[in-house]
Amino acid sequence: MTAIDYKKFEKMSPFEIKDGLMKLAKRSSAKSASALLNAGRGNPNWIATAAREAFFLFGQFALSECRRTMDNPVAGLAGMPQPKDIAARLSTWLDKRGDEPGADFITRMIDHGVKAFGFNADAFVFELTDSIIGDNYPVPDRMLVHAEQVSHRYLMWAMGADTSLSGKFDLYAVEGGTAAMCYIFKSLIANRILKKGDTIAMGTPIFTPYIEIAELEDYAFNAVHIRATQEHRFQYSDDEIAKLEDPKIKAFFVVNPGNPTSMAIDTATLKKLVDLVKTKRPDLIILTDDVYGTFVPNFRSLMCELPYNTIGVYSYSKYFGCTGWRLGVIGIHESNILDDILSKLPAKELEALDKRYISITLEPRKLKMIDRIVADSRDVALNHTAGLSLPQQVMMTMFSIGELMDPEKIYQKACMDICKTRVDTLLEGLPLDVQPNPNFAAYYGTIDFEFWLRHYVGEDMVTWLKENVHPLDLVYRLAEDHSIVLLNGGGFDAPNWSVRVSFANLADDVYDDIGRGVRAVGRGYVDMFNATKGK
């Protein structure tokens, strides 16, 4: 293997290291004629078809509505759709296209909106029609009226809400989970809820950008890591949860189910977190990113357990196979800790915030935190053009309502089966004795060389590994020797001698090859260790 100075890569994000691994793996693949297997990124290789069929067919109806108002085919120019009797026109239009993909979905969607939500048919159809054309700015800017109601009901299903949850969440439609993260961090600082240098907690391992954003000079947060280890089946132990009792910790950031572990917080741990917040830390702000929740049976989010304290982030990207659509929401309960903190800020800080938001409201102090996030996302001055693009909101609505119209959860079961099949295939290639876990989303997997070498070989092997092998050697050896690209676990604050494998983006039958490659690297270290013992 080529000698590499790993030290210079230690501070780099695993997503950036991946680019170098890809080059190595391509060269290796070309030399050996073996397939390049890039399981380093979590972009799913499946898509939800029904909502997309409806979206593209509905676009044709919307264009026909524009041409009703004004039509200049020579210039390629039409007018804007009109709302009066538009639902009846849609019904007539669909009658002539009943066999086309998406027609039945559209019919059921409108019927579901009217019956399940109480929508006015013309208002609902017009929102979809005008929005899919994209001829107006988003109004309301936070989220369209019907789109928010549909997405809210979908989100409550996805997050495991039940009848015990009172009130609702205000949603802000955003450009995926990454935009949500950026907007929230920025607005918490702008509104003096968090201040530069504050102490926050992170549930680790965690999606690397949370670690990296917190370290930026814009925030310079002091981060306390609440660790979920493999020894505890990637759940937070009592000692780790107890760290949150420290009043200096202003906020707790968590990805649930985890990335890279894919493990959801189990019922017992959720209860401990809830008890801690309610009895000892009612002032704790929680930010939960729950993009993988739909891959866990009976998933329950902190949004539903602690709605007053929690900012929820959800992305549609993984479940519906739509990373390129950039669809996500920020959810804040209508009764929330952020608005209460704002009302209690010192007078000088309130006056400064009055100046910040006076251009968009005559009563800045009544501006809710969710609406401040919207404004801050456009540097306040451009608030009048804020909001997710309307065609994106239509796609979000169709994805959401499609799931709501699937009482048997056929689509969800199919997605879960894809991931489970790939996990099983990987384990056959390794092989490892891993007990089933009902909290495992199976979207990613963390293979901890230290844990398994300790389990199968012993503590002497682990000691030797740490003294003689750089943690990045794992992923570089996989790339150069086996044409396999995985991400280094240390970049997620997972164990240093671990790797993350994505079960989302490769064909089912290649995961045993990945398993064999990982096993070969592990065996190579054992052989090197045994050779030193023989000296």
Protein backbone atom coordinates (compact mmCIF):
# COMPACT_ATOMS: atom_id res chain seq x y z
CA MET A 1 0.00 0.00 0.00
CA THR A 2 1.19 3.53 -0.80
CA ALA A 3 2.71 5.34 2.21
CA ILE A 4 0.40 8.20 3.22
CA ASP A 5 0.95 10.94 5.77
CA TYR A 6 -2.42 10.71 7.52
CA LYS A 7 -1.69 13.52 9.96
CA LYS A 8 -2.48 16.21 7.42
CA PHE A 9 -5.99 14.78 6.90
CA GLU A 10 -6.99 14.54 10.57
CA LYS A 11 -8.90 17.83 10.63
CA MET A 12 -10.71 17.29 7.36
CA SER A 13 -14.38 16.36 7.12
CA PRO A 14 -14.96 12.72 6.12
CA PHE A 15 -16.98 14.03 3.17
CA GLU A 16 -13.88 15.83 1.90
CA ILE A 17 -11.59 12.87 2.61
CA LYS A 18 -14.00 10.84 0.49
CA ASP A 19 -12.89 12.68 -2.65
CA GLY A 20 -9.33 11.41 -2.19
CA LEU A 21 -10.62 7.92 -1.45
CA MET A 22 -12.58 7.97 -4.69
CA LYS A 23 -9.41 8.66 -6.67
CA LEU A 24 -7.62 5.77 -4.98
CA ALA A 25 -10.56 3.44 -5.50
CA LYS A 26 -10.85 4.35 -9.19
CA ARG A 27 -7.18 3.57 -9.73
CA SER A 28 -7.54 0.31 -7.85
CA SER A 29 -10.64 -0.61 -9.83
CA ALA A 30 -8.89 0.08 -13.13
CA LYS A 31 -5.89 -2.06 -12.18
CA SER A 32 -7.84 -5.04 -10.87
CA ALA A 33 -10.92 -4.77 -13.10
CA SER A 34 -13.01 -4.96 -9.92
CA ALA A 35 -16.10 -2.82 -9.43
CA LEU A 36 -15.74 0.47 -7.60
CA LEU A 37 -18.11 0.34 -4.63
CA ASN A 38 -18.84 3.77 -3.20
CA ALA A 39 -20.87 3.28 -0.03
CA GLY A 40 -19.63 6.55 1.39
CA ARG A 41 -22.63 8.71 0.64
CA GLY A 42 -26.22 8.27 1.72
CA ASN A 43 -28.04 9.23 -1.46
CA PRO A 44 -30.69 6.51 -1.91
CA ASN A 45 -30.82 4.63 -5.20
CA TRP A 46 -34.61 4.34 -5.16
CA ILE A 47 -37.32 6.93 -5.77
CA ALA A 48 -41.00 7.32 -4.91
CA THR A 49 -42.80 7.16 -8.25
CA ALA A 50 -46.50 7.76 -7.55
CA ALA A 51 -46.20 11.37 -6.37
CA ARG A 52 -43.79 12.17 -9.20
CA GLU A 53 -46.16 10.78 -11.83
CA ALA A 54 -48.89 12.99 -10.37
CA PHE A 55 -46.59 16.01 -10.27
CA PHE A 56 -45.62 15.83 -13.94
CA LEU A 57 -49.16 15.13 -15.11
CA PHE A 58 -50.57 17.93 -12.97
CA GLY A 59 -48.09 20.30 -14.59
CA GLN A 60 -49.80 19.69 -17.93
CA PHE A 61 -53.17 20.57 -16.41
CA ALA A 62 -51.68 23.73 -14.92
CA LEU A 63 -50.37 24.81 -18.31
CA SER A 64 -53.80 24.25 -19.84
CA GLU A 65 -55.23 26.54 -17.16
CA CYS A 66 -52.70 29.24 -18.02
CA ARG A 67 -53.67 29.00 -21.69
CA ARG A 68 -57.34 29.48 -20.79
CA THR A 69 -56.48 32.98 -19.60
CA MET A 70 -54.15 34.01 -22.41
CA ASP A 71 -52.63 31.99 -25.20
CA ASN A 72 -50.02 33.08 -27.73
CA PRO A 73 -48.56 29.82 -29.08
CA VAL A 74 -46.39 31.62 -31.64
CA ALA A 75 -44.60 33.55 -28.90
CA GLY A 76 -44.77 30.66 -26.43
CA LEU A 77 -46.66 32.83 -23.98
CA ALA A 78 -49.65 32.22 -21.71
CA GLY A 79 -51.46 33.86 -18.81
CA MET A 80 -51.94 33.02 -15.15
CA PRO A 81 -54.39 30.41 -13.85
CA GLN A 82 -57.68 31.52 -12.29
CA PRO A 83 -59.36 29.95 -9.26
CA LYS A 84 -63.09 30.04 -10.11
CA ASP A 85 -64.45 26.51 -10.76
CA ILE A 86 -60.92 25.15 -11.22
CA ALA A 87 -61.67 21.91 -9.34
CA ALA A 88 -64.47 21.03 -11.76
CA ARG A 89 -62.22 21.75 -14.73
CA LEU A 90 -59.56 19.47 -13.25
CA SER A 91 -62.12 16.69 -12.86
CA THR A 92 -63.20 17.05 -16.48
CA TRP A 93 -59.59 17.16 -17.64
CA LEU A 94 -58.77 13.99 -15.72
CA ASP A 95 -61.81 12.15 -17.10
CA LYS A 96 -60.10 12.22 -20.49
CA ARG A 97 -56.79 10.97 -19.06
CA GLY A 98 -57.88 8.29 -16.63
CA ASP A 99 -55.35 5.76 -17.87
CA GLU A 100 -52.33 8.07 -17.69
CA PRO A 101 -49.80 7.56 -14.87
CA GLY A 102 -50.63 9.94 -12.04
CA ALA A 103 -54.30 10.54 -12.93
CA ASP A 104 -55.71 8.29 -10.22
CA PHE A 105 -53.29 9.76 -7.65
CA ILE A 106 -54.47 13.31 -8.45
CA THR A 107 -58.12 12.32 -8.16
CA ARG A 108 -57.55 10.63 -4.82
CA MET A 109 -55.36 13.52 -3.62
CA ILE A 110 -58.07 16.14 -4.17
CA ASP A 111 -60.71 13.87 -2.66
CA HIS A 112 -58.48 13.22 0.36
CA GLY A 113 -57.84 16.93 0.81
CA VAL A 114 -61.55 17.70 0.81
CA LYS A 115 -62.67 14.80 3.02
CA ALA A 116 -59.76 14.35 5.42
CA PHE A 117 -58.73 18.01 5.78
CA GLY A 118 -61.95 19.86 4.99
CA PHE A 119 -60.32 21.81 2.16
CA ASN A 120 -62.33 23.86 -0.28
CA ALA A 121 -61.74 22.01 -3.55
CA ASP A 122 -61.23 25.14 -5.66
CA ALA A 123 -58.82 26.67 -3.13
CA PHE A 124 -56.77 23.47 -2.87
CA VAL A 125 -56.59 22.86 -6.61
CA PHE A 126 -55.75 26.48 -7.29
CA GLU A 127 -52.90 26.46 -4.76
CA LEU A 128 -51.45 23.40 -6.47
CA THR A 129 -51.99 24.82 -9.96
CA ASP A 130 -50.58 28.28 -9.40
CA SER A 131 -47.70 26.87 -7.35
CA ILE A 132 -46.60 24.21 -9.82
CA ILE A 133 -46.42 26.95 -12.47
CA GLY A 134 -44.36 29.07 -10.08
CA ASP A 135 -45.68 32.40 -11.32
CA ASN A 136 -46.01 34.05 -7.90
CA TYR A 137 -43.90 34.60 -4.81
CA PRO A 138 -44.62 32.26 -1.87
CA VAL A 139 -47.55 33.62 0.16
CA PRO A 140 -47.50 33.03 3.09
CA ASP A 141 -43.73 33.11 2.89
CA ARG A 142 -43.26 30.56 5.68
CA MET A 143 -45.33 27.90 3.90
CA LEU A 144 -48.43 27.68 1.72
CA VAL A 145 -51.70 27.21 3.60
CA HIS A 146 -52.74 23.80 2.27
CA ALA A 147 -49.15 22.56 1.91
CA GLU A 148 -48.48 23.25 5.59
CA GLN A 149 -51.55 21.37 6.77
CA VAL A 150 -50.77 18.33 4.63
CA SER A 151 -47.08 18.32 5.58
CA HIS A 152 -47.93 18.77 9.25
CA ARG A 153 -50.14 15.69 9.27
CA TYR A 154 -47.49 13.71 7.43
CA LEU A 155 -44.81 14.92 9.84
CA MET A 156 -46.87 13.95 12.86
CA TRP A 157 -47.20 10.44 11.46
CA ALA A 158 -43.48 10.27 10.60
CA MET A 159 -42.45 11.52 14.05
CA GLY A 160 -44.74 9.15 15.95
CA ALA A 161 -47.18 11.70 17.37
CA ASP A 162 -50.29 10.39 19.07
CA THR A 163 -53.42 11.83 20.65
CA SER A 164 -51.44 12.87 23.74
CA LEU A 165 -49.80 15.67 21.73
CA SER A 166 -51.83 18.85 22.06
CA GLY A 167 -51.53 21.86 19.79
CA LYS A 168 -49.64 21.98 16.53
CA PHE A 169 -46.25 22.81 15.09
CA ASP A 170 -45.70 25.83 12.88
CA LEU A 171 -43.74 24.69 9.84
CA TYR A 172 -41.25 26.53 7.66
CA ALA A 173 -40.62 24.84 4.31
CA VAL A 174 -36.90 24.97 3.51
CA GLU A 175 -34.33 23.71 1.01
CA GLY A 176 -33.68 20.40 2.75
CA GLY A 177 -32.25 19.60 6.16
CA THR A 178 -28.96 21.36 5.46
CA ALA A 179 -30.69 24.70 4.90
CA ALA A 180 -32.71 24.12 8.05
CA MET A 181 -29.51 23.70 10.06
CA CYS A 182 -27.95 26.88 8.67
CA TYR A 183 -31.10 28.97 9.21
CA ILE A 184 -31.61 27.75 12.79
CA PHE A 185 -28.02 28.30 13.90
CA LYS A 186 -28.00 31.78 12.36
CA SER A 187 -31.31 32.84 13.88
CA LEU A 188 -30.59 31.52 17.37
CA ILE A 189 -27.49 33.73 17.42
CA ALA A 190 -29.21 36.73 15.82
CA ASN A 191 -31.96 36.61 18.44
CA ARG A 192 -29.57 36.33 21.40
CA ILE A 193 -31.02 32.95 22.39
CA LEU A 194 -27.56 31.48 21.97
CA LYS A 195 -24.44 33.60 22.12
CA LYS A 196 -20.98 33.12 20.71
CA GLY A 197 -18.98 30.94 23.07
CA ASP A 198 -22.01 29.39 24.78
CA THR A 199 -21.88 25.78 25.92
CA ILE A 200 -24.02 23.34 23.96
CA ALA A 201 -24.31 19.56 23.99
CA MET A 202 -24.24 17.17 21.05
CA GLY A 203 -25.43 13.60 20.98
CA THR A 204 -22.52 11.79 19.36
CA PRO A 205 -21.72 10.14 17.03
CA ILE A 206 -23.41 12.82 14.92
CA PHE A 207 -23.60 14.11 11.35
CA THR A 208 -20.26 15.87 10.89
CA PRO A 209 -21.56 19.35 9.89
CA TYR A 210 -23.11 19.80 13.34
CA ILE A 211 -19.64 19.45 14.83
CA GLU A 212 -18.05 21.69 12.20
CA ILE A 213 -20.68 24.47 12.32
CA ALA A 214 -20.41 24.67 16.10
CA GLU A 215 -16.64 25.21 15.77
CA LEU A 216 -16.90 28.08 13.27
CA GLU A 217 -15.79 31.47 14.57
CA ASP A 218 -19.34 32.73 13.95
CA TYR A 219 -20.47 30.56 16.89
CA ALA A 220 -17.37 29.19 18.68
CA PHE A 221 -19.59 27.03 20.85
CA ASN A 222 -18.08 25.01 23.64
CA ALA A 223 -19.41 21.53 22.79
CA VAL A 224 -20.05 18.83 25.38
CA HIS A 225 -20.41 15.41 23.77
CA ILE A 226 -23.16 13.11 25.05
CA ARG A 227 -21.84 9.79 23.79
CA ALA A 228 -23.81 6.76 22.63
CA THR A 229 -21.39 3.84 22.45
CA GLN A 230 -21.62 0.43 20.85
CA GLU A 231 -21.19 -1.10 24.31
CA HIS A 232 -24.57 0.50 25.16
CA ARG A 233 -26.06 -0.45 21.75
CA PHE A 234 -25.63 3.21 20.71
CA GLN A 235 -27.90 4.54 23.45
CA TYR A 236 -26.99 7.29 25.93
CA SER A 237 -26.01 5.87 29.31
CA ASP A 238 -27.23 7.37 32.59
CA ASP A 239 -23.84 8.99 33.15
CA GLU A 240 -23.93 10.62 29.71
CA ILE A 241 -27.48 11.91 30.18
CA ALA A 242 -26.47 13.31 33.56
CA LYS A 243 -24.08 15.69 31.76
CA LEU A 244 -27.16 17.59 30.57
CA GLU A 245 -27.93 18.59 34.16
CA ASP A 246 -25.19 21.23 33.87
CA PRO A 247 -27.04 24.60 33.64
CA LYS A 248 -24.24 26.02 31.47
CA ILE A 249 -25.48 23.81 28.62
CA LYS A 250 -27.96 25.95 26.72
CA ALA A 251 -28.99 23.50 23.98
CA PHE A 252 -28.79 19.83 23.07
CA PHE A 253 -28.34 18.91 19.38
CA VAL A 254 -29.23 15.38 18.35
CA VAL A 255 -29.69 13.36 15.15
CA ASN A 256 -32.32 10.68 15.71
CA PRO A 257 -31.96 8.01 14.36
CA GLY A 258 -28.25 8.64 14.44
CA ASN A 259 -25.86 9.28 11.62
CA PRO A 260 -23.59 7.27 11.30
CA THR A 261 -25.08 4.71 13.69
CA SER A 262 -28.62 4.60 12.25
CA MET A 263 -29.86 3.88 15.77
CA ALA A 264 -32.99 5.57 17.11
CA ILE A 265 -33.23 6.63 20.73
CA ASP A 266 -35.07 3.79 22.45
CA THR A 267 -38.13 4.14 24.68
CA ALA A 268 -36.23 3.82 27.95
CA THR A 269 -33.68 6.47 26.98
CA LEU A 270 -36.39 8.80 25.70
CA LYS A 271 -38.10 8.54 29.08
CA LYS A 272 -34.86 9.43 30.88
CA LEU A 273 -34.36 12.48 28.66
CA VAL A 274 -37.95 13.58 29.19
CA ASP A 275 -37.66 13.14 32.96
CA LEU A 276 -34.42 15.13 33.01
CA VAL A 277 -35.91 18.04 31.09
CA LYS A 278 -39.12 18.13 33.08
CA THR A 279 -37.53 17.80 36.51
CA LYS A 280 -34.09 19.37 36.19
CA ARG A 281 -33.67 21.23 32.88
CA PRO A 282 -36.97 22.81 31.78
CA ASP A 283 -34.82 25.58 30.26
CA LEU A 284 -32.96 23.22 27.87
CA ILE A 285 -33.40 23.86 24.14
CA ILE A 286 -33.39 20.71 22.00
CA LEU A 287 -32.71 20.55 18.26
CA THR A 288 -33.55 17.17 16.74
CA ASP A 289 -32.82 16.16 13.15
CA ASP A 290 -35.07 13.17 12.39
CA VAL A 291 -34.57 12.54 8.68
CA TYR A 292 -34.22 8.76 9.16
CA GLY A 293 -37.20 8.31 11.47
CA THR A 294 -39.40 6.74 8.80
CA PHE A 295 -37.00 3.79 8.55
CA VAL A 296 -37.65 2.69 12.17
CA PRO A 297 -40.88 0.88 13.09
CA ASN A 298 -42.92 2.81 15.67
CA PHE A 299 -40.42 5.68 15.71
CA ARG A 300 -40.99 8.38 18.33
CA SER A 301 -39.32 11.79 18.11
CA LEU A 302 -38.32 14.18 20.86
CA MET A 303 -40.58 16.62 18.99
CA CYS A 304 -43.54 14.63 20.30
CA GLU A 305 -42.10 13.89 23.74
CA LEU A 306 -40.91 17.45 24.50
CA PRO A 307 -42.73 19.76 22.04
CA TYR A 308 -42.25 22.88 24.17
CA ASN A 309 -38.45 22.52 24.25
CA THR A 310 -37.79 21.09 20.79
CA ILE A 311 -36.98 22.49 17.36
CA GLY A 312 -37.65 19.77 14.82
CA VAL A 313 -35.84 19.34 11.50
CA TYR A 314 -37.06 16.91 8.87
CA SER A 315 -35.89 16.30 5.32
CA TYR A 316 -37.82 14.37 2.67
CA SER A 317 -34.59 13.51 0.85
CA LYS A 318 -33.87 10.00 2.02
CA TYR A 319 -37.33 8.46 2.36
CA PHE A 320 -38.65 9.63 -1.00
CA GLY A 321 -35.36 9.51 -2.90
CA CYS A 322 -35.43 13.24 -3.63
CA THR A 323 -32.11 14.73 -2.48
CA GLY A 324 -32.03 16.86 -5.63
CA TRP A 325 -35.42 18.37 -4.87
CA ARG A 326 -34.13 19.96 -1.61
CA LEU A 327 -37.27 19.48 0.49
CA GLY A 328 -37.38 19.93 4.24
CA VAL A 329 -39.22 21.59 7.10
CA ILE A 330 -38.40 23.29 10.38
CA GLY A 331 -41.07 22.66 13.00
CA ILE A 332 -41.58 24.70 16.19
CA HIS A 333 -44.57 24.10 18.44
CA GLU A 334 -47.01 26.98 18.75
CA SER A 335 -46.21 27.00 22.49
CA ASN A 336 -42.43 26.93 22.74
CA ILE A 337 -39.43 27.82 24.85
CA LEU A 338 -37.88 30.07 22.21
CA ASP A 339 -40.72 32.60 22.20
CA ASP A 340 -40.67 32.62 26.00
CA ILE A 341 -36.91 33.23 26.08
CA LEU A 342 -37.34 36.11 23.65
CA SER A 343 -39.96 37.76 25.85
CA LYS A 344 -37.58 37.69 28.84
CA LEU A 345 -34.45 39.10 27.18
CA PRO A 346 -32.83 42.16 28.78
CA ALA A 347 -34.22 45.52 27.64
CA LYS A 348 -31.13 46.47 25.61
CA GLU A 349 -31.26 43.21 23.67
CA LEU A 350 -34.99 43.59 23.01
CA GLU A 351 -34.37 47.11 21.71
CA ALA A 352 -31.67 45.81 19.38
CA LEU A 353 -34.04 43.15 18.06
CA ASP A 354 -36.76 45.78 17.61
CA LYS A 355 -34.40 47.58 15.23
CA ARG A 356 -33.57 44.32 13.45
CA TYR A 357 -37.19 43.47 12.61
CA ILE A 358 -38.92 46.89 12.53
CA SER A 359 -38.84 46.94 8.72
CA ILE A 360 -41.16 43.92 8.51
CA THR A 361 -43.56 44.51 11.43
CA LEU A 362 -44.83 47.39 13.52
CA GLU A 363 -44.72 45.15 16.60
CA PRO A 364 -41.38 43.32 16.49
CA ARG A 365 -41.78 41.85 19.96
CA LYS A 366 -44.82 39.88 18.81
CA LEU A 367 -42.88 38.26 15.97
CA LYS A 368 -42.70 34.53 16.68
CA MET A 369 -39.38 32.71 16.52
CA ILE A 370 -40.45 30.63 13.52
CA ASP A 371 -41.15 33.84 11.58
CA ARG A 372 -37.84 35.33 12.70
CA ILE A 373 -36.10 32.29 11.22
CA VAL A 374 -37.90 32.97 7.93
CA ALA A 375 -36.82 36.61 7.97
CA ASP A 376 -33.25 35.84 9.03
CA SER A 377 -32.94 33.34 6.18
CA ARG A 378 -33.18 36.33 3.86
CA ASP A 379 -31.25 38.78 6.05
CA VAL A 380 -34.56 40.39 7.10
CA ALA A 381 -34.39 43.04 4.38
CA LEU A 382 -35.41 40.47 1.75
CA ASN A 383 -38.15 38.91 3.85
CA HIS A 384 -40.74 39.85 1.23
CA THR A 385 -39.14 37.34 -1.16
CA ALA A 386 -38.60 34.58 1.42
CA GLY A 387 -39.98 31.08 1.17
CA LEU A 388 -39.30 27.79 -0.55
CA SER A 389 -40.04 27.79 -4.28
CA LEU A 390 -43.65 26.91 -5.00
CA PRO A 391 -43.03 23.92 -7.30
CA GLN A 392 -40.95 22.44 -4.49
CA GLN A 393 -43.82 22.93 -2.07
CA VAL A 394 -46.16 21.15 -4.48
CA MET A 395 -43.78 18.19 -4.65
CA MET A 396 -43.60 18.18 -0.85
CA THR A 397 -47.40 18.22 -0.64
CA MET A 398 -47.69 15.30 -3.05
CA PHE A 399 -45.06 13.23 -1.26
CA SER A 400 -46.81 13.91 2.06
CA ILE A 401 -50.34 13.19 0.93
CA GLY A 402 -49.21 10.10 -0.94
CA GLU A 403 -47.98 8.62 2.35
CA LEU A 404 -51.18 9.68 4.11
CA MET A 405 -53.22 7.86 1.45
CA ASP A 406 -51.26 4.63 2.06
CA PRO A 407 -52.92 3.14 5.18
CA GLU A 408 -51.13 -0.20 4.75
CA LYS A 409 -47.76 1.60 4.59
CA ILE A 410 -46.75 -0.43 1.55
CA TYR A 411 -44.17 2.14 0.49
CA GLN A 412 -42.60 2.35 3.95
CA LYS A 413 -42.31 -1.44 4.21
CA ALA A 414 -40.64 -1.58 0.80
CA CYS A 415 -38.06 1.05 1.82
CA MET A 416 -37.32 -0.77 5.05
CA ASP A 417 -36.96 -4.08 3.21
CA ILE A 418 -34.38 -2.60 0.83
CA CYS A 419 -32.16 -1.48 3.70
CA LYS A 420 -32.64 -4.65 5.77
CA THR A 421 -31.73 -6.87 2.81
CA ARG A 422 -28.49 -4.96 2.29
CA VAL A 423 -27.57 -5.13 5.97
CA ASP A 424 -28.12 -8.89 5.97
CA THR A 425 -25.99 -9.24 2.84
CA LEU A 426 -23.14 -7.24 4.42
CA LEU A 427 -23.26 -9.36 7.56
CA GLU A 428 -23.01 -12.53 5.45
CA GLY A 429 -19.84 -11.15 3.87
CA LEU A 430 -18.20 -10.11 7.14
CA PRO A 431 -19.48 -12.27 8.97
CA LEU A 432 -20.40 -10.83 12.37
CA ASP A 433 -22.75 -12.05 15.07
CA VAL A 434 -25.02 -9.01 15.40
CA GLN A 435 -28.26 -9.28 17.33
CA PRO A 436 -31.37 -7.69 15.76
CA ASN A 437 -32.29 -4.30 17.20
CA PRO A 438 -35.79 -2.81 16.72
CA ASN A 439 -34.35 0.72 16.94
CA PHE A 440 -31.97 0.22 13.99
CA ALA A 441 -32.97 2.20 10.89
CA ALA A 442 -30.53 0.17 8.74
CA TYR A 443 -29.84 3.21 6.55
CA TYR A 444 -26.20 3.37 7.66
CA GLY A 445 -24.02 1.03 9.65
CA THR A 446 -21.02 1.69 11.86
CA ILE A 447 -18.39 -1.04 11.85
CA ASP A 448 -16.15 -0.55 14.86
CA PHE A 449 -12.86 -2.39 14.31
CA GLU A 450 -11.77 -1.71 17.89
CA PHE A 451 -14.96 -3.20 19.34
CA TRP A 452 -14.92 -6.32 17.19
CA LEU A 453 -11.16 -6.96 17.44
CA ARG A 454 -11.47 -6.71 21.21
CA HIS A 455 -14.41 -9.12 21.05
CA TYR A 456 -12.79 -11.70 18.77
CA VAL A 457 -9.02 -11.30 19.43
CA GLY A 458 -8.48 -9.50 22.72
CA GLU A 459 -7.29 -6.34 24.42
CA ASP A 460 -3.65 -6.88 23.34
CA MET A 461 -4.77 -6.66 19.72
CA VAL A 462 -6.57 -3.36 20.38
CA THR A 463 -3.54 -1.93 22.16
CA TRP A 464 -1.31 -2.90 19.23
CA LEU A 465 -3.80 -1.43 16.74
CA LYS A 466 -3.84 1.94 18.48
CA GLU A 467 -0.05 2.05 18.73
CA ASN A 468 0.71 0.99 15.15
CA VAL A 469 -2.23 1.88 12.87
CA HIS A 470 -3.56 5.33 12.10
CA PRO A 471 -7.39 5.33 12.13
CA LEU A 472 -7.56 6.69 8.57
CA ASP A 473 -5.59 3.67 7.38
CA LEU A 474 -8.86 1.72 7.48
CA VAL A 475 -10.64 3.71 4.79
CA TYR A 476 -7.51 4.24 2.67
CA ARG A 477 -6.70 0.53 2.72
CA LEU A 478 -10.27 -0.31 1.69
CA ALA A 479 -10.06 2.15 -1.21
CA GLU A 480 -6.61 1.22 -2.49
CA ASP A 481 -6.73 -2.54 -1.94
CA HIS A 482 -10.41 -3.29 -2.50
CA SER A 483 -11.89 -0.37 -4.51
CA ILE A 484 -14.34 0.26 -1.65
CA VAL A 485 -15.17 3.77 -0.41
CA LEU A 486 -16.48 4.13 3.15
CA LEU A 487 -16.30 7.12 5.50
CA ASN A 488 -14.07 7.27 8.56
CA GLY A 489 -16.09 7.08 11.76
CA GLY A 490 -13.82 9.46 13.67
CA GLY A 491 -15.12 12.35 11.55
CA PHE A 492 -18.56 11.81 13.11
CA ASP A 493 -17.08 11.55 16.60
CA ALA A 494 -17.69 7.82 16.34
CA PRO A 495 -14.86 5.53 17.50
CA ASN A 496 -11.64 6.38 15.65
CA TRP A 497 -11.14 2.84 14.37
CA SER A 498 -14.59 2.63 12.80
CA VAL A 499 -16.10 3.15 9.36
CA ARG A 500 -19.54 4.18 8.15
CA VAL A 501 -21.20 2.21 5.38
CA SER A 502 -24.31 3.44 3.59
CA PHE A 503 -26.96 0.84 2.80
CA ALA A 504 -28.85 3.28 0.60
CA ASN A 505 -26.95 3.79 -2.59
CA LEU A 506 -25.65 0.48 -4.01
CA ALA A 507 -27.23 -2.65 -5.45
CA ASP A 508 -28.25 -5.31 -2.94
CA ASP A 509 -25.81 -7.93 -4.17
CA VAL A 510 -22.60 -5.90 -3.69
CA TYR A 511 -22.82 -5.58 0.06
CA ASP A 512 -21.34 -9.02 0.63
CA ASP A 513 -18.31 -7.80 -1.36
CA ILE A 514 -18.05 -4.82 0.98
CA GLY A 515 -18.32 -7.17 3.93
CA ARG A 516 -15.54 -9.37 2.58
CA GLY A 517 -13.37 -6.31 1.92
CA VAL A 518 -13.81 -5.04 5.47
CA ARG A 519 -13.08 -8.54 6.80
CA ALA A 520 -9.92 -8.72 4.69
CA VAL A 521 -8.63 -5.45 6.10
CA GLY A 522 -9.37 -6.60 9.63
CA ARG A 523 -7.68 -9.94 9.00
CA GLY A 524 -4.65 -8.07 7.64
CA TYR A 525 -4.28 -6.18 10.91
CA VAL A 526 -4.61 -9.43 12.89
CA ASP A 527 -1.93 -11.06 10.73
CA MET A 528 0.39 -8.09 11.32
CA PHE A 529 -0.27 -8.29 15.06
CA ASN A 530 0.38 -12.02 15.16
CA ALA A 531 3.61 -11.55 13.22
CA THR A 532 4.89 -9.15 15.90
CA LYS A 533 4.08 -11.69 18.61
CA GLY A 534 6.16 -14.27 16.78
CA LYS A 535 9.30 -12.14 16.83
